PDB file of N, CA and C in Angstrom:
ATOM      1  N   UNK A   1       0.832  -1.181   0.000  1.00  0.00           N
ATOM      2  CA  UNK A   1       0.000   0.000   0.000  1.00  0.00           C
ATOM      3  C   UNK A   1       0.880   1.250   0.000  1.00  0.00           C
ATOM      4  N   UNK A   2       0.395   2.259  -0.664  1.00  0.00           N
ATOM      5  CA  UNK A   2       1.150   3.504  -0.783  1.00  0.00           C
ATOM      6  C   UNK A   2       0.848   4.434   0.387  1.00  0.00           C
ATOM      7  N   UNK A   3       1.847   5.232   0.745  1.00  0.00           N
ATOM      8  CA  UNK A   3       1.658   6.264   1.765  1.00  0.00           C
ATOM      9  C   UNK A   3       1.384   7.585   1.070  1.00  0.00           C
ATOM     10  N   UNK A   4       0.424   8.342   1.577  1.00  0.00           N
ATOM     11  CA  UNK A   4       0.072   9.647   1.038  1.00  0.00           C
ATOM     12  C   UNK A   4       0.235  10.682   2.134  1.00  0.00           C
ATOM     13  N   UNK A   5       0.959  11.753   1.835  1.00  0.00           N
ATOM     14  CA  UNK A   5       1.131  12.845   2.790  1.00  0.00           C
ATOM     15  C   UNK A   5       0.002  13.851   2.630  1.00  0.00           C
ATOM     16  N   UNK A   6      -0.534  14.305   3.731  1.00  0.00           N
ATOM     17  CA  UNK A   6      -1.475  15.423   3.726  1.00  0.00           C
ATOM     18  C   UNK A   6      -0.683  16.621   4.211  1.00  0.00           C
ATOM     19  N   UNK A   7      -0.607  17.652   3.366  1.00  0.00           N
ATOM     20  CA  UNK A   7       0.215  18.819   3.681  1.00  0.00           C
ATOM     21  C   UNK A   7      -0.661  20.050   3.885  1.00  0.00           C
ATOM     22  N   UNK A   8      -0.128  20.993   4.627  1.00  0.00           N
ATOM     23  CA  UNK A   8      -0.827  22.254   4.839  1.00  0.00           C
ATOM     24  C   UNK A   8      -0.682  23.111   3.583  1.00  0.00           C
ATOM     25  N   UNK A   9      -1.793  23.628   3.063  1.00  0.00           N
ATOM     26  CA  UNK A   9      -1.712  24.463   1.870  1.00  0.00           C
ATOM     27  C   UNK A   9      -1.251  25.893   2.173  1.00  0.00           C
ATOM     28  N   UNK A  10      -1.248  26.268   3.454  1.00  0.00           N
ATOM     29  CA  UNK A  10      -0.877  27.622   3.824  1.00  0.00           C
ATOM     30  C   UNK A  10      -0.318  27.636   5.241  1.00  0.00           C
ATOM     31  N   UNK A  11       0.431  28.696   5.583  1.00  0.00           N
ATOM     32  CA  UNK A  11       0.933  28.802   6.952  1.00  0.00           C
ATOM     33  C   UNK A  11      -0.174  29.261   7.888  1.00  0.00           C
ATOM     34  N   UNK A  12      -0.118  28.807   9.120  1.00  0.00           N
ATOM     35  CA  UNK A  12      -1.116  29.207  10.108  1.00  0.00           C
ATOM     36  C   UNK A  12      -1.048  28.299  11.315  1.00  0.00           C
ATOM     37  N   UNK A  13      -2.163  28.181  12.001  1.00  0.00           N
ATOM     38  CA  UNK A  13      -2.253  27.322  13.179  1.00  0.00           C
ATOM     39  C   UNK A  13      -3.120  26.122  12.831  1.00  0.00           C
ATOM     40  N   UNK A  14      -2.589  24.927  13.081  1.00  0.00           N
ATOM     41  CA  UNK A  14      -3.288  23.692  12.760  1.00  0.00           C
ATOM     42  C   UNK A  14      -4.150  23.268  13.937  1.00  0.00           C
ATOM     43  N   UNK A  15      -5.386  22.875  13.622  1.00  0.00           N
ATOM     44  CA  UNK A  15      -6.301  22.359  14.637  1.00  0.00           C
ATOM     45  C   UNK A  15      -6.826  20.999  14.199  1.00  0.00           C
ATOM     46  N   UNK A  16      -6.831  20.053  15.106  1.00  0.00           N
ATOM     47  CA  UNK A  16      -7.354  18.709  14.839  1.00  0.00           C
ATOM     48  C   UNK A  16      -8.836  18.602  15.153  1.00  0.00           C
ATOM     49  N   UNK A  17      -9.417  19.651  15.732  1.00  0.00           N
ATOM     50  CA  UNK A  17     -10.815  19.643  16.169  1.00  0.00           C
ATOM     51  C   UNK A  17     -11.565  20.790  15.487  1.00  0.00           C
ATOM     52  N   UNK A  18     -12.866  20.617  15.293  1.00  0.00           N
ATOM     53  CA  UNK A  18     -13.671  21.677  14.691  1.00  0.00           C
ATOM     54  C   UNK A  18     -14.026  22.766  15.695  1.00  0.00           C
ATOM     55  N   UNK A  19     -13.947  22.453  16.993  1.00  0.00           N
ATOM     56  CA  UNK A  19     -14.131  23.427  18.067  1.00  0.00           C
ATOM     57  C   UNK A  19     -13.368  22.918  19.287  1.00  0.00           C
ATOM     58  N   UNK A  20     -13.060  23.803  20.232  1.00  0.00           N
ATOM     59  CA  UNK A  20     -12.247  23.386  21.382  1.00  0.00           C
ATOM     60  C   UNK A  20     -12.797  22.211  22.178  1.00  0.00           C
ATOM     61  N   UNK A  21     -14.133  22.056  22.238  1.00  0.00           N
ATOM     62  CA  UNK A  21     -14.712  20.978  23.036  1.00  0.00           C
ATOM     63  C   UNK A  21     -15.111  19.760  22.200  1.00  0.00           C
ATOM     64  N   UNK A  22     -14.815  19.775  20.901  1.00  0.00           N
ATOM     65  CA  UNK A  22     -15.155  18.654  20.017  1.00  0.00           C
ATOM     66  C   UNK A  22     -14.054  17.595  20.038  1.00  0.00           C
ATOM     67  N   UNK A  23     -14.420  16.388  19.659  1.00  0.00           N
ATOM     68  CA  UNK A  23     -13.437  15.310  19.521  1.00  0.00           C
ATOM     69  C   UNK A  23     -12.564  15.580  18.286  1.00  0.00           C
ATOM     70  N   UNK A  24     -11.344  15.053  18.258  1.00  0.00           N
ATOM     71  CA  UNK A  24     -10.511  15.208  17.059  1.00  0.00           C
ATOM     72  C   UNK A  24     -11.220  14.655  15.824  1.00  0.00           C
ATOM     73  N   UNK A  25     -10.988  15.300  14.694  1.00  0.00           N
ATOM     74  CA  UNK A  25     -11.614  14.874  13.441  1.00  0.00           C
ATOM     75  C   UNK A  25     -11.137  13.484  13.020  1.00  0.00           C
ATOM     76  N   UNK A  26      -9.865  13.198  13.244  1.00  0.00           N
ATOM     77  CA  UNK A  26      -9.315  11.863  12.960  1.00  0.00           C
ATOM     78  C   UNK A  26      -8.299  11.503  14.028  1.00  0.00           C
ATOM     79  N   UNK A  27      -8.064  10.218  14.173  1.00  0.00           N
ATOM     80  CA  UNK A  27      -7.050   9.678  15.082  1.00  0.00           C
ATOM     81  C   UNK A  27      -6.184   8.706  14.286  1.00  0.00           C
ATOM     82  N   UNK A  28      -5.054   8.314  14.829  1.00  0.00           N
ATOM     83  CA  UNK A  28      -4.255   7.262  14.200  1.00  0.00           C
ATOM     84  C   UNK A  28      -5.119   6.013  14.141  1.00  0.00           C
ATOM     85  N   UNK A  29      -5.173   5.401  12.973  1.00  0.00           N
ATOM     86  CA  UNK A  29      -5.994   4.215  12.767  1.00  0.00           C
ATOM     87  C   UNK A  29      -7.349   4.508  12.161  1.00  0.00           C
ATOM     88  N   UNK A  30      -7.754   5.789  12.099  1.00  0.00           N
ATOM     89  CA  UNK A  30      -9.040   6.151  11.494  1.00  0.00           C
ATOM     90  C   UNK A  30      -9.039   5.803  10.007  1.00  0.00           C
ATOM     91  N   UNK A  31     -10.140   5.223   9.548  1.00  0.00           N
ATOM     92  CA  UNK A  31     -10.354   4.968   8.120  1.00  0.00           C
ATOM     93  C   UNK A  31     -11.076   6.184   7.554  1.00  0.00           C
ATOM     94  N   UNK A  32     -10.510   6.780   6.498  1.00  0.00           N
ATOM     95  CA  UNK A  32     -11.109   7.987   5.933  1.00  0.00           C
ATOM     96  C   UNK A  32     -11.245   7.859   4.421  1.00  0.00           C
ATOM     97  N   UNK A  33     -12.164   8.642   3.879  1.00  0.00           N
ATOM     98  CA  UNK A  33     -12.373   8.709   2.438  1.00  0.00           C
ATOM     99  C   UNK A  33     -11.641   9.912   1.872  1.00  0.00           C
ATOM    100  N   UNK A  34     -11.305   9.851   0.594  1.00  0.00           N
ATOM    101  CA  UNK A  34     -10.719  10.998  -0.081  1.00  0.00           C
ATOM    102  C   UNK A  34     -11.689  12.172   0.034  1.00  0.00           C
ATOM    103  N   UNK A  35     -11.170  13.341   0.364  1.00  0.00           N
ATOM    104  CA  UNK A  35     -12.000  14.527   0.519  1.00  0.00           C
ATOM    105  C   UNK A  35     -12.525  14.750   1.924  1.00  0.00           C
ATOM    106  N   UNK A  36     -12.320  13.787   2.820  1.00  0.00           N
ATOM    107  CA  UNK A  36     -12.766  13.950   4.208  1.00  0.00           C
ATOM    108  C   UNK A  36     -11.957  15.050   4.888  1.00  0.00           C
ATOM    109  N   UNK A  37     -12.608  15.834   5.735  1.00  0.00           N
ATOM    110  CA  UNK A  37     -11.912  16.871   6.490  1.00  0.00           C
ATOM    111  C   UNK A  37     -11.139  16.215   7.624  1.00  0.00           C
ATOM    112  N   UNK A  38      -9.823  16.483   7.671  1.00  0.00           N
ATOM    113  CA  UNK A  38      -8.967  15.869   8.687  1.00  0.00           C
ATOM    114  C   UNK A  38      -8.395  16.890   9.662  1.00  0.00           C
ATOM    115  N   UNK A  39      -8.601  18.165   9.379  1.00  0.00           N
ATOM    116  CA  UNK A  39      -8.090  19.213  10.245  1.00  0.00           C
ATOM    117  C   UNK A  39      -8.444  20.576   9.687  1.00  0.00           C
ATOM    118  N   UNK A  40      -8.026  21.606  10.410  1.00  0.00           N
ATOM    119  CA  UNK A  40      -8.266  22.988  10.008  1.00  0.00           C
ATOM    120  C   UNK A  40      -6.977  23.774  10.165  1.00  0.00           C
ATOM    121  N   UNK A  41      -6.768  24.768   9.289  1.00  0.00           N
ATOM    122  CA  UNK A  41      -5.670  25.718   9.464  1.00  0.00           C
ATOM    123  C   UNK A  41      -6.291  27.099   9.562  1.00  0.00           C
ATOM    124  N   UNK A  42      -5.925  27.809  10.630  1.00  0.00           N
ATOM    125  CA  UNK A  42      -6.467  29.144  10.888  1.00  0.00           C
ATOM    126  C   UNK A  42      -5.408  30.185  10.573  1.00  0.00           C
ATOM    127  N   UNK A  43      -5.819  31.189   9.796  1.00  0.00           N
ATOM    128  CA  UNK A  43      -4.967  32.330   9.483  1.00  0.00           C
ATOM    129  C   UNK A  43      -5.823  33.581   9.667  1.00  0.00           C
ATOM    130  N   UNK A  44      -5.459  34.427  10.602  1.00  0.00           N
ATOM    131  CA  UNK A  44      -6.160  35.680  10.848  1.00  0.00           C
ATOM    132  C   UNK A  44      -7.676  35.468  11.010  1.00  0.00           C
ATOM    133  N   UNK A  45      -8.046  34.496  11.839  1.00  0.00           N
ATOM    134  CA  UNK A  45      -9.444  34.173  12.172  1.00  0.00           C
ATOM    135  C   UNK A  45     -10.236  33.578  11.004  1.00  0.00           C
ATOM    136  N   UNK A  46      -9.557  33.191   9.936  1.00  0.00           N
ATOM    137  CA  UNK A  46     -10.191  32.489   8.814  1.00  0.00           C
ATOM    138  C   UNK A  46      -9.747  31.031   8.880  1.00  0.00           C
ATOM    139  N   UNK A  47     -10.703  30.119   8.867  1.00  0.00           N
ATOM    140  CA  UNK A  47     -10.409  28.703   8.982  1.00  0.00           C
ATOM    141  C   UNK A  47     -10.546  28.022   7.621  1.00  0.00           C
ATOM    142  N   UNK A  48      -9.523  27.277   7.231  1.00  0.00           N
ATOM    143  CA  UNK A  48      -9.541  26.505   5.989  1.00  0.00           C
ATOM    144  C   UNK A  48      -9.522  25.026   6.334  1.00  0.00           C
ATOM    145  N   UNK A  49     -10.445  24.278   5.747  1.00  0.00           N
ATOM    146  CA  UNK A  49     -10.483  22.840   5.981  1.00  0.00           C
ATOM    147  C   UNK A  49      -9.340  22.152   5.237  1.00  0.00           C
ATOM    148  N   UNK A  50      -8.730  21.188   5.906  1.00  0.00           N
ATOM    149  CA  UNK A  50      -7.707  20.351   5.283  1.00  0.00           C
ATOM    150  C   UNK A  50      -8.370  19.036   4.939  1.00  0.00           C
ATOM    151  N   UNK A  51      -8.317  18.652   3.662  1.00  0.00           N
ATOM    152  CA  UNK A  51      -8.992  17.447   3.212  1.00  0.00           C
ATOM    153  C   UNK A  51      -8.001  16.346   2.881  1.00  0.00           C
ATOM    154  N   UNK A  52      -8.434  15.117   3.084  1.00  0.00           N
ATOM    155  CA  UNK A  52      -7.626  13.949   2.734  1.00  0.00           C
ATOM    156  C   UNK A  52      -7.444  13.897   1.223  1.00  0.00           C
ATOM    157  N   UNK A  53      -6.249  13.572   0.806  1.00  0.00           N
ATOM    158  CA  UNK A  53      -5.937  13.492  -0.618  1.00  0.00           C
ATOM    159  C   UNK A  53      -6.103  12.079  -1.161  1.00  0.00           C
ATOM    160  N   UNK A  54      -6.409  11.141  -0.286  1.00  0.00           N
ATOM    161  CA  UNK A  54      -6.585   9.748  -0.701  1.00  0.00           C
ATOM    162  C   UNK A  54      -7.451   9.034   0.329  1.00  0.00           C
ATOM    163  N   UNK A  55      -7.997   7.922  -0.072  1.00  0.00           N
ATOM    164  CA  UNK A  55      -8.760   7.070   0.837  1.00  0.00           C
ATOM    165  C   UNK A  55      -7.785   6.132   1.532  1.00  0.00           C
ATOM    166  N   UNK A  56      -7.987   5.892   2.814  1.00  0.00           N
ATOM    167  CA  UNK A  56      -7.106   4.967   3.517  1.00  0.00           C
ATOM    168  C   UNK A  56      -7.195   5.104   5.018  1.00  0.00           C
ATOM    169  N   UNK A  57      -6.117   4.671   5.676  1.00  0.00           N
ATOM    170  CA  UNK A  57      -6.040   4.664   7.138  1.00  0.00           C
ATOM    171  C   UNK A  57      -4.958   5.623   7.587  1.00  0.00           C
ATOM    172  N   UNK A  58      -5.265   6.452   8.576  1.00  0.00           N
ATOM    173  CA  UNK A  58      -4.295   7.405   9.121  1.00  0.00           C
ATOM    174  C   UNK A  58      -3.218   6.620   9.875  1.00  0.00           C
ATOM    175  N   UNK A  59      -1.962   6.779   9.457  1.00  0.00           N
ATOM    176  CA  UNK A  59      -0.862   6.055  10.103  1.00  0.00           C
ATOM    177  C   UNK A  59      -0.011   6.946  10.997  1.00  0.00           C
ATOM    178  N   UNK A  60       0.040   8.243  10.690  1.00  0.00           N
ATOM    179  CA  UNK A  60       0.837   9.177  11.489  1.00  0.00           C
ATOM    180  C   UNK A  60       0.144  10.529  11.524  1.00  0.00           C
ATOM    181  N   UNK A  61       0.205  11.181  12.665  1.00  0.00           N
ATOM    182  CA  UNK A  61      -0.231  12.572  12.793  1.00  0.00           C
ATOM    183  C   UNK A  61       1.001  13.338  13.253  1.00  0.00           C
ATOM    184  N   UNK A  62       1.498  14.228  12.394  1.00  0.00           N
ATOM    185  CA  UNK A  62       2.786  14.867  12.614  1.00  0.00           C
ATOM    186  C   UNK A  62       2.693  16.285  13.163  1.00  0.00           C
ATOM    187  N   UNK A  63       1.495  16.856  13.195  1.00  0.00           N
ATOM    188  CA  UNK A  63       1.304  18.205  13.740  1.00  0.00           C
ATOM    189  C   UNK A  63       0.347  18.120  14.926  1.00  0.00           C
ATOM    190  N   UNK A  64       0.708  18.783  15.987  1.00  0.00           N
ATOM    191  CA  UNK A  64      -0.117  18.786  17.192  1.00  0.00           C
ATOM    192  C   UNK A  64      -1.226  19.826  17.088  1.00  0.00           C
ATOM    193  N   UNK A  65      -2.293  19.594  17.808  1.00  0.00           N
ATOM    194  CA  UNK A  65      -3.410  20.523  17.869  1.00  0.00           C
ATOM    195  C   UNK A  65      -2.935  21.863  18.416  1.00  0.00           C
ATOM    196  N   UNK A  66      -3.221  22.956  17.685  1.00  0.00           N
ATOM    197  CA  UNK A  66      -2.830  24.290  18.121  1.00  0.00           C
ATOM    198  C   UNK A  66      -1.410  24.674  17.756  1.00  0.00           C
ATOM    199  N   UNK A  67      -0.720  23.849  16.989  1.00  0.00           N
ATOM    200  CA  UNK A  67       0.679  24.073  16.613  1.00  0.00           C
ATOM    201  C   UNK A  67       0.776  24.924  15.341  1.00  0.00           C
ATOM    202  N   UNK A  68       1.713  25.892  15.310  1.00  0.00           N
ATOM    203  CA  UNK A  68       1.940  26.634  14.064  1.00  0.00           C
ATOM    204  C   UNK A  68       2.505  25.691  12.990  1.00  0.00           C
ATOM    205  N   UNK A  69       2.046  25.868  11.751  1.00  0.00           N
ATOM    206  CA  UNK A  69       2.528  25.062  10.631  1.00  0.00           C
ATOM    207  C   UNK A  69       2.891  25.975   9.468  1.00  0.00           C
ATOM    208  N   UNK A  70       3.739  25.473   8.590  1.00  0.00           N
ATOM    209  CA  UNK A  70       4.148  26.191   7.389  1.00  0.00           C
ATOM    210  C   UNK A  70       3.443  25.614   6.176  1.00  0.00           C
ATOM    211  N   UNK A  71       3.354  26.390   5.118  1.00  0.00           N
ATOM    212  CA  UNK A  71       2.814  25.887   3.860  1.00  0.00           C
ATOM    213  C   UNK A  71       3.703  24.746   3.376  1.00  0.00           C
ATOM    214  N   UNK A  72       3.096  23.650   2.982  1.00  0.00           N
ATOM    215  CA  UNK A  72       3.846  22.494   2.510  1.00  0.00           C
ATOM    216  C   UNK A  72       4.285  21.528   3.588  1.00  0.00           C
ATOM    217  N   UNK A  73       4.063  21.876   4.849  1.00  0.00           N
ATOM    218  CA  UNK A  73       4.439  20.988   5.959  1.00  0.00           C
ATOM    219  C   UNK A  73       3.512  19.781   5.990  1.00  0.00           C
ATOM    220  N   UNK A  74       4.097  18.596   6.181  1.00  0.00           N
ATOM    221  CA  UNK A  74       3.295  17.376   6.277  1.00  0.00           C
ATOM    222  C   UNK A  74       2.585  17.356   7.622  1.00  0.00           C
ATOM    223  N   UNK A  75       1.248  17.228   7.573  1.00  0.00           N
ATOM    224  CA  UNK A  75       0.432  17.208   8.781  1.00  0.00           C
ATOM    225  C   UNK A  75       0.154  15.790   9.249  1.00  0.00           C
ATOM    226  N   UNK A  76      -0.089  14.903   8.287  1.00  0.00           N
ATOM    227  CA  UNK A  76      -0.351  13.503   8.604  1.00  0.00           C
ATOM    228  C   UNK A  76      -0.112  12.644   7.384  1.00  0.00           C
ATOM    229  N   UNK A  77      -0.033  11.337   7.623  1.00  0.00           N
ATOM    230  CA  UNK A  77       0.163  10.372   6.552  1.00  0.00           C
ATOM    231  C   UNK A  77      -0.968   9.348   6.558  1.00  0.00           C
ATOM    232  N   UNK A  78      -1.342   8.961   5.326  1.00  0.00           N
ATOM    233  CA  UNK A  78      -2.400   7.986   5.126  1.00  0.00           C
ATOM    234  C   UNK A  78      -1.831   6.820   4.332  1.00  0.00           C
ATOM    235  N   UNK A  79      -2.182   5.616   4.745  1.00  0.00           N
ATOM    236  CA  UNK A  79      -1.829   4.420   3.992  1.00  0.00           C
ATOM    237  C   UNK A  79      -3.083   3.990   3.229  1.00  0.00           C
ATOM    238  N   UNK A  80      -2.959   3.930   1.922  1.00  0.00           N
ATOM    239  CA  UNK A  80      -4.144   3.576   1.143  1.00  0.00           C
ATOM    240  C   UNK A  80      -3.817   3.081  -0.230  1.00  0.00           C
TER     241      UNK A  80
END
């Protein structure tokens, strides 16, 4: 199976949850479909959804909730 990197399209703050009291959108081992929202990046109070680029299982989450990220930074990996 191939590994697919999900990268941040822009610099900002990465969030794994849709709101502070919500459960994480995905966890290691989660089965997801292509296009599924796996996180959010916030820039100046504007939130952009990060979508899965492939169908598969989340094998690694490389960015922590609330962590600053750069454009092109790998946020997580999917095996699919």
